Amino acid sequence: MSGESVGGGELTRRFYPRSCPRPPSPRPLPEGGGEGCVYDPPAVITRRHAILAFVAVFFGAQLALVTASYFRGDRLGGYQMFAETTFFNARLYRVTHDGRRVLARGGQWTILSPTGTQKSYRWGAFVDDFRLDRLEDRTRAKIGIDVTLKFFQAALDHVARRIPEDRETLRLEMVVEYDTASGKHREVTLKSLDRVEARAP
């Protein structure tokens, strides 16, 4: 901390040590110069503490986000120096109660409801995140193929639980073909849980 005084027609600067006993209230510099103690007013101290608290909370939250990403399935917030580049193509199939395997082209299918009316379902109406709604199209995996496959599996079970009027579909299956950056081509078939609503005629 420094103080300034005018003496002899020129401006001189004096520096004062901060390692002084804390007084009951802020006090000015001693008259006539010399070394003394200068104390910040309470408002300055409060502002400094607020800035330090903000910095600590901000960087603490960033560190917690990065650390937590390694324990979650999506790895959001995690650090990856070289992100994985994998392209996939997914096709949705319905396996009916009589054993047929029917392609749900574009993720859409129509069934006859218990009331005798036709009802249409659309995959994209249930799933619209992490590019999982982009069926039958070459798509880059958002956060790696492992995470994409894990989310596809969860999405299959999610949709299978939310089509109660579909008495024809025993389960849903997703065929995922993907190409890695190293040139490897693979195919995986994911299956939803079997639906108890499916009944043989």
C-alpha atoms as a PDB file:
ATOM      1  CA  MET A   1       0.000   0.000   0.000  1.00  0.00           C
ATOM      2  CA  SER A   2       1.314   3.456  -0.776  1.00  0.00           C
ATOM      3  CA  GLY A   3       0.493   6.993   0.239  1.00  0.00           C
ATOM      4  CA  GLU A   4       1.289  10.296  -1.448  1.00  0.00           C
ATOM      5  CA  SER A   5       2.116  13.719  -0.025  1.00  0.00           C
ATOM      6  CA  VAL A   6       3.138  17.095  -1.438  1.00  0.00           C
ATOM      7  CA  GLY A   7       6.178  18.671   0.122  1.00  0.00           C
ATOM      8  CA  GLY A   8       8.743  21.200  -1.154  1.00  0.00           C
ATOM      9  CA  GLY A   9       6.777  21.715  -4.367  1.00  0.00           C
ATOM     10  CA  GLU A  10       7.198  18.128  -5.582  1.00  0.00           C
ATOM     11  CA  LEU A  11       5.197  14.965  -5.269  1.00  0.00           C
ATOM     12  CA  THR A  12       6.797  12.215  -3.228  1.00  0.00           C
ATOM     13  CA  ARG A  13       5.550   8.627  -2.769  1.00  0.00           C
ATOM     14  CA  ARG A  14       5.832   6.770   0.513  1.00  0.00           C
ATOM     15  CA  PHE A  15       5.359   3.021   1.019  1.00  0.00           C
ATOM     16  CA  TYR A  16       3.995   1.587   4.217  1.00  0.00           C
ATOM     17  CA  PRO A  17       4.250  -1.965   5.536  1.00  0.00           C
ATOM     18  CA  ARG A  18       1.027  -4.028   5.622  1.00  0.00           C
ATOM     19  CA  SER A  19       2.157  -6.320   8.473  1.00  0.00           C
ATOM     20  CA  CYS A  20       0.645  -4.212  11.232  1.00  0.00           C
ATOM     21  CA  PRO A  21      -1.707  -4.997  14.110  1.00  0.00           C
ATOM     22  CA  ARG A  22      -5.336  -4.743  13.092  1.00  0.00           C
ATOM     23  CA  PRO A  23      -6.892  -1.573  14.544  1.00  0.00           C
ATOM     24  CA  PRO A  24     -10.492  -1.343  15.729  1.00  0.00           C
ATOM     25  CA  SER A  25     -11.265   0.952  12.781  1.00  0.00           C
ATOM     26  CA  PRO A  26      -9.420   2.315   9.710  1.00  0.00           C
ATOM     27  CA  ARG A  27      -7.055   5.183  10.520  1.00  0.00           C
ATOM     28  CA  PRO A  28      -5.191   7.673   8.293  1.00  0.00           C
ATOM     29  CA  LEU A  29      -1.464   7.992   7.690  1.00  0.00           C
ATOM     30  CA  PRO A  30       0.524   9.615  10.485  1.00  0.00           C
ATOM     31  CA  GLU A  31       1.160  13.341  10.138  1.00  0.00           C
ATOM     32  CA  GLY A  32       4.588  14.462   8.995  1.00  0.00           C
ATOM     33  CA  GLY A  33       5.468  11.312   7.023  1.00  0.00           C
ATOM     34  CA  GLY A  34       7.459   8.389   8.320  1.00  0.00           C
ATOM     35  CA  GLU A  35       6.462   4.779   8.189  1.00  0.00           C
ATOM     36  CA  GLY A  36       3.117   3.685   9.438  1.00  0.00           C
ATOM     37  CA  CYS A  37       0.245   1.370   8.697  1.00  0.00           C
ATOM     38  CA  VAL A  38      -2.504   1.856   6.109  1.00  0.00           C
ATOM     39  CA  TYR A  39      -5.642  -0.279   6.362  1.00  0.00           C
ATOM     40  CA  ASP A  40      -8.162  -0.972   3.627  1.00  0.00           C
ATOM     41  CA  PRO A  41     -11.721   0.042   4.461  1.00  0.00           C
ATOM     42  CA  PRO A  42     -14.212  -2.817   5.043  1.00  0.00           C
ATOM     43  CA  ALA A  43     -15.771  -2.352   1.584  1.00  0.00           C
ATOM     44  CA  VAL A  44     -12.426  -3.043  -0.129  1.00  0.00           C
ATOM     45  CA  ILE A  45     -11.810  -6.149   1.986  1.00  0.00           C
ATOM     46  CA  THR A  46     -15.314  -7.486   1.273  1.00  0.00           C
ATOM     47  CA  ARG A  47     -14.863  -6.982  -2.478  1.00  0.00           C
ATOM     48  CA  ARG A  48     -11.515  -8.765  -2.418  1.00  0.00           C
ATOM     49  CA  HIS A  49     -13.018 -11.723  -0.573  1.00  0.00           C
ATOM     50  CA  ALA A  50     -15.909 -11.871  -3.051  1.00  0.00           C
ATOM     51  CA  ILE A  51     -13.479 -12.030  -5.995  1.00  0.00           C
ATOM     52  CA  LEU A  52     -11.443 -14.779  -4.362  1.00  0.00           C
ATOM     53  CA  ALA A  53     -14.614 -16.734  -3.573  1.00  0.00           C
ATOM     54  CA  PHE A  54     -15.821 -16.446  -7.195  1.00  0.00           C
ATOM     55  CA  VAL A  55     -12.477 -17.643  -8.577  1.00  0.00           C
ATOM     56  CA  ALA A  56     -12.443 -20.598  -6.175  1.00  0.00           C
ATOM     57  CA  VAL A  57     -16.017 -21.615  -7.032  1.00  0.00           C
ATOM     58  CA  PHE A  58     -15.489 -21.223 -10.802  1.00  0.00           C
ATOM     59  CA  PHE A  59     -12.340 -23.309 -11.037  1.00  0.00           C
ATOM     60  CA  GLY A  60     -13.662 -25.795  -8.483  1.00  0.00           C
ATOM     61  CA  ALA A  61     -16.769 -26.341 -10.622  1.00  0.00           C
ATOM     62  CA  GLN A  62     -14.639 -26.832 -13.746  1.00  0.00           C
ATOM     63  CA  LEU A  63     -12.473 -29.405 -12.009  1.00  0.00           C
ATOM     64  CA  ALA A  64     -15.539 -31.221 -10.667  1.00  0.00           C
ATOM     65  CA  LEU A  65     -17.088 -31.319 -14.166  1.00  0.00           C
ATOM     66  CA  VAL A  66     -13.969 -32.807 -15.726  1.00  0.00           C
ATOM     67  CA  THR A  67     -13.566 -35.351 -12.928  1.00  0.00           C
ATOM     68  CA  ALA A  68     -17.229 -36.399 -12.975  1.00  0.00           C
ATOM     69  CA  SER A  69     -17.141 -36.961 -16.743  1.00  0.00           C
ATOM     70  CA  TYR A  70     -15.020 -40.075 -16.246  1.00  0.00           C
ATOM     71  CA  PHE A  71     -17.720 -41.634 -14.055  1.00  0.00           C
ATOM     72  CA  ARG A  72     -20.671 -40.826 -16.343  1.00  0.00           C
ATOM     73  CA  GLY A  73     -21.643 -42.603 -19.526  1.00  0.00           C
ATOM     74  CA  ASP A  74     -21.693 -39.561 -21.780  1.00  0.00           C
ATOM     75  CA  ARG A  75     -18.193 -38.183 -20.919  1.00  0.00           C
ATOM     76  CA  LEU A  76     -19.500 -34.628 -21.306  1.00  0.00           C
ATOM     77  CA  GLY A  77     -16.976 -32.173 -19.952  1.00  0.00           C
ATOM     78  CA  GLY A  78     -14.135 -34.678 -20.128  1.00  0.00           C
ATOM     79  CA  TYR A  79     -10.827 -33.756 -21.719  1.00  0.00           C
ATOM     80  CA  GLN A  80      -9.909 -35.560 -24.930  1.00  0.00           C
ATOM     81  CA  MET A  81      -6.802 -34.370 -26.727  1.00  0.00           C
ATOM     82  CA  PHE A  82      -7.698 -36.354 -29.851  1.00  0.00           C
ATOM     83  CA  ALA A  83     -11.430 -36.961 -30.119  1.00  0.00           C
ATOM     84  CA  GLU A  84     -12.518 -40.226 -31.708  1.00  0.00           C
ATOM     85  CA  THR A  85     -13.841 -40.008 -35.268  1.00  0.00           C
ATOM     86  CA  THR A  86     -16.338 -42.775 -36.032  1.00  0.00           C
ATOM     87  CA  PHE A  87     -19.204 -42.777 -38.527  1.00  0.00           C
ATOM     88  CA  PHE A  88     -22.240 -45.011 -38.081  1.00  0.00           C
ATOM     89  CA  ASN A  89     -25.390 -46.005 -39.947  1.00  0.00           C
ATOM     90  CA  ALA A  90     -28.321 -47.281 -37.890  1.00  0.00           C
ATOM     91  CA  ARG A  91     -31.467 -49.149 -38.993  1.00  0.00           C
ATOM     92  CA  LEU A  92     -34.481 -49.841 -36.803  1.00  0.00           C
ATOM     93  CA  TYR A  93     -36.352 -53.157 -36.975  1.00  0.00           C
ATOM     94  CA  ARG A  94     -39.462 -54.507 -35.313  1.00  0.00           C
ATOM     95  CA  VAL A  95     -39.644 -58.146 -34.283  1.00  0.00           C
ATOM     96  CA  THR A  96     -43.306 -59.145 -34.197  1.00  0.00           C
ATOM     97  CA  HIS A  97     -44.946 -61.689 -31.936  1.00  0.00           C
ATOM     98  CA  ASP A  98     -45.031 -64.222 -34.823  1.00  0.00           C
ATOM     99  CA  GLY A  99     -41.252 -63.945 -35.363  1.00  0.00           C
ATOM    100  CA  ARG A 100     -41.143 -61.618 -38.374  1.00  0.00           C
ATOM    101  CA  ARG A 101     -38.387 -58.994 -38.538  1.00  0.00           C
ATOM    102  CA  VAL A 102     -39.690 -55.857 -40.231  1.00  0.00           C
ATOM    103  CA  LEU A 103     -37.659 -52.774 -41.145  1.00  0.00           C
ATOM    104  CA  ALA A 104     -39.154 -49.579 -39.697  1.00  0.00           C
ATOM    105  CA  ARG A 105     -38.117 -47.424 -42.627  1.00  0.00           C
ATOM    106  CA  GLY A 106     -37.083 -43.964 -41.511  1.00  0.00           C
ATOM    107  CA  GLY A 107     -37.866 -44.997 -37.941  1.00  0.00           C
ATOM    108  CA  GLN A 108     -41.633 -45.044 -38.615  1.00  0.00           C
ATOM    109  CA  TRP A 109     -44.215 -47.813 -38.452  1.00  0.00           C
ATOM    110  CA  THR A 110     -47.993 -48.175 -38.325  1.00  0.00           C
ATOM    111  CA  ILE A 111     -49.992 -50.685 -36.305  1.00  0.00           C
ATOM    112  CA  LEU A 112     -53.629 -51.586 -35.733  1.00  0.00           C
ATOM    113  CA  SER A 113     -54.598 -50.499 -32.229  1.00  0.00           C
ATOM    114  CA  PRO A 114     -56.867 -52.568 -29.916  1.00  0.00           C
ATOM    115  CA  THR A 115     -59.747 -50.252 -30.880  1.00  0.00           C
ATOM    116  CA  GLY A 116     -59.352 -51.142 -34.544  1.00  0.00           C
ATOM    117  CA  THR A 117     -57.830 -47.834 -35.658  1.00  0.00           C
ATOM    118  CA  GLN A 118     -54.436 -47.323 -37.257  1.00  0.00           C
ATOM    119  CA  LYS A 119     -51.746 -45.674 -35.173  1.00  0.00           C
ATOM    120  CA  SER A 120     -48.354 -44.482 -36.342  1.00  0.00           C
ATOM    121  CA  TYR A 121     -45.178 -44.312 -34.310  1.00  0.00           C
ATOM    122  CA  ARG A 122     -42.032 -42.361 -35.114  1.00  0.00           C
ATOM    123  CA  TRP A 123     -38.632 -43.031 -33.530  1.00  0.00           C
ATOM    124  CA  GLY A 124     -37.683 -39.353 -33.715  1.00  0.00           C
ATOM    125  CA  ALA A 125     -40.688 -38.420 -31.561  1.00  0.00           C
ATOM    126  CA  PHE A 126     -39.154 -40.351 -28.661  1.00  0.00           C
ATOM    127  CA  VAL A 127     -35.423 -39.841 -29.278  1.00  0.00           C
ATOM    128  CA  ASP A 128     -33.904 -36.576 -30.464  1.00  0.00           C
ATOM    129  CA  ASP A 129     -30.514 -36.234 -28.783  1.00  0.00           C
ATOM    130  CA  PHE A 130     -26.930 -37.350 -29.429  1.00  0.00           C
ATOM    131  CA  ARG A 131     -27.802 -37.794 -33.129  1.00  0.00           C
ATOM    132  CA  LEU A 132     -29.678 -41.007 -32.313  1.00  0.00           C
ATOM    133  CA  ASP A 133     -32.623 -39.883 -34.443  1.00  0.00           C
ATOM    134  CA  ARG A 134     -30.548 -39.912 -37.648  1.00  0.00           C
ATOM    135  CA  LEU A 135     -31.438 -43.353 -38.930  1.00  0.00           C
ATOM    136  CA  GLU A 136     -30.382 -44.846 -42.276  1.00  0.00           C
ATOM    137  CA  ASP A 137     -27.878 -42.066 -42.809  1.00  0.00           C
ATOM    138  CA  ARG A 138     -24.100 -41.946 -42.380  1.00  0.00           C
ATOM    139  CA  THR A 139     -23.585 -39.932 -39.206  1.00  0.00           C
ATOM    140  CA  ARG A 140     -20.569 -39.059 -37.111  1.00  0.00           C
ATOM    141  CA  ALA A 141     -20.759 -40.331 -33.521  1.00  0.00           C
ATOM    142  CA  LYS A 142     -21.091 -37.373 -31.184  1.00  0.00           C
ATOM    143  CA  ILE A 143     -18.896 -38.581 -28.305  1.00  0.00           C
ATOM    144  CA  GLY A 144     -17.413 -41.797 -29.613  1.00  0.00           C
ATOM    145  CA  ILE A 145     -19.104 -44.982 -30.790  1.00  0.00           C
ATOM    146  CA  ASP A 146     -19.058 -46.662 -27.363  1.00  0.00           C
ATOM    147  CA  VAL A 147     -21.202 -43.912 -25.872  1.00  0.00           C
ATOM    148  CA  THR A 148     -23.447 -43.902 -28.958  1.00  0.00           C
ATOM    149  CA  LEU A 149     -24.094 -47.646 -28.675  1.00  0.00           C
ATOM    150  CA  LYS A 150     -24.809 -47.338 -24.969  1.00  0.00           C
ATOM    151  CA  PHE A 151     -27.335 -44.580 -25.618  1.00  0.00           C
ATOM    152  CA  PHE A 152     -28.907 -46.521 -28.508  1.00  0.00           C
ATOM    153  CA  GLN A 153     -29.502 -49.431 -26.127  1.00  0.00           C
ATOM    154  CA  ALA A 154     -31.112 -47.159 -23.547  1.00  0.00           C
ATOM    155  CA  ALA A 155     -33.208 -45.524 -26.286  1.00  0.00           C
ATOM    156  CA  LEU A 156     -34.514 -48.893 -27.508  1.00  0.00           C
ATOM    157  CA  ASP A 157     -35.758 -49.783 -24.022  1.00  0.00           C
ATOM    158  CA  HIS A 158     -37.149 -46.272 -23.599  1.00  0.00           C
ATOM    159  CA  VAL A 159     -39.239 -46.484 -26.783  1.00  0.00           C
ATOM    160  CA  ALA A 160     -40.338 -50.074 -26.148  1.00  0.00           C
ATOM    161  CA  ARG A 161     -41.902 -48.963 -22.855  1.00  0.00           C
ATOM    162  CA  ARG A 162     -43.835 -46.113 -24.487  1.00  0.00           C
ATOM    163  CA  ILE A 163     -45.816 -47.801 -27.259  1.00  0.00           C
ATOM    164  CA  PRO A 164     -48.559 -49.543 -25.229  1.00  0.00           C
ATOM    165  CA  GLU A 165     -51.062 -49.690 -28.090  1.00  0.00           C
ATOM    166  CA  ASP A 166     -48.658 -51.638 -30.279  1.00  0.00           C
ATOM    167  CA  ARG A 167     -49.725 -55.251 -29.714  1.00  0.00           C
ATOM    168  CA  GLU A 168     -47.769 -56.512 -32.721  1.00  0.00           C
ATOM    169  CA  THR A 169     -44.179 -55.611 -31.773  1.00  0.00           C
ATOM    170  CA  LEU A 170     -42.472 -58.008 -29.393  1.00  0.00           C
ATOM    171  CA  ARG A 171     -39.253 -56.001 -29.308  1.00  0.00           C
ATOM    172  CA  LEU A 172     -37.247 -53.405 -31.202  1.00  0.00           C
ATOM    173  CA  GLU A 173     -33.827 -54.038 -32.681  1.00  0.00           C
ATOM    174  CA  MET A 174     -31.210 -51.609 -33.931  1.00  0.00           C
ATOM    175  CA  VAL A 175     -28.547 -52.676 -36.417  1.00  0.00           C
ATOM    176  CA  VAL A 176     -25.603 -50.282 -36.210  1.00  0.00           C
ATOM    177  CA  GLU A 177     -22.800 -50.404 -38.762  1.00  0.00           C
ATOM    178  CA  TYR A 178     -19.818 -48.188 -38.107  1.00  0.00           C
ATOM    179  CA  ASP A 179     -16.415 -47.354 -39.527  1.00  0.00           C
ATOM    180  CA  THR A 180     -13.572 -46.298 -37.263  1.00  0.00           C
ATOM    181  CA  ALA A 181     -10.814 -43.844 -38.163  1.00  0.00           C
ATOM    182  CA  SER A 182      -8.440 -46.808 -38.506  1.00  0.00           C
ATOM    183  CA  GLY A 183     -10.608 -48.223 -41.305  1.00  0.00           C
ATOM    184  CA  LYS A 184     -12.283 -51.038 -39.384  1.00  0.00           C
ATOM    185  CA  HIS A 185     -15.900 -51.826 -40.319  1.00  0.00           C
ATOM    186  CA  ARG A 186     -18.116 -53.441 -37.715  1.00  0.00           C
ATOM    187  CA  GLU A 187     -21.772 -54.271 -37.207  1.00  0.00           C
ATOM    188  CA  VAL A 188     -23.649 -54.543 -33.923  1.00  0.00           C
ATOM    189  CA  THR A 189     -27.246 -55.574 -33.256  1.00  0.00           C
ATOM    190  CA  LEU A 190     -28.901 -54.127 -30.170  1.00  0.00           C
ATOM    191  CA  LYS A 191     -32.195 -55.469 -28.786  1.00  0.00           C
ATOM    192  CA  SER A 192     -34.779 -53.878 -26.544  1.00  0.00           C
ATOM    193  CA  LEU A 193     -36.495 -55.678 -23.725  1.00  0.00           C
ATOM    194  CA  ASP A 194     -39.384 -57.965 -24.739  1.00  0.00           C
ATOM    195  CA  ARG A 195     -42.724 -56.208 -24.460  1.00  0.00           C
ATOM    196  CA  VAL A 196     -45.472 -57.873 -22.451  1.00  0.00           C
ATOM    197  CA  GLU A 197     -48.103 -55.970 -24.462  1.00  0.00           C
ATOM    198  CA  ALA A 198     -47.334 -58.046 -27.570  1.00  0.00           C
ATOM    199  CA  ARG A 199     -49.972 -60.730 -27.954  1.00  0.00           C
ATOM    200  CA  ALA A 200     -50.426 -63.405 -30.540  1.00  0.00           C
ATOM    201  CA  PRO A 201     -53.770 -63.134 -32.370  1.00  0.00           C
END
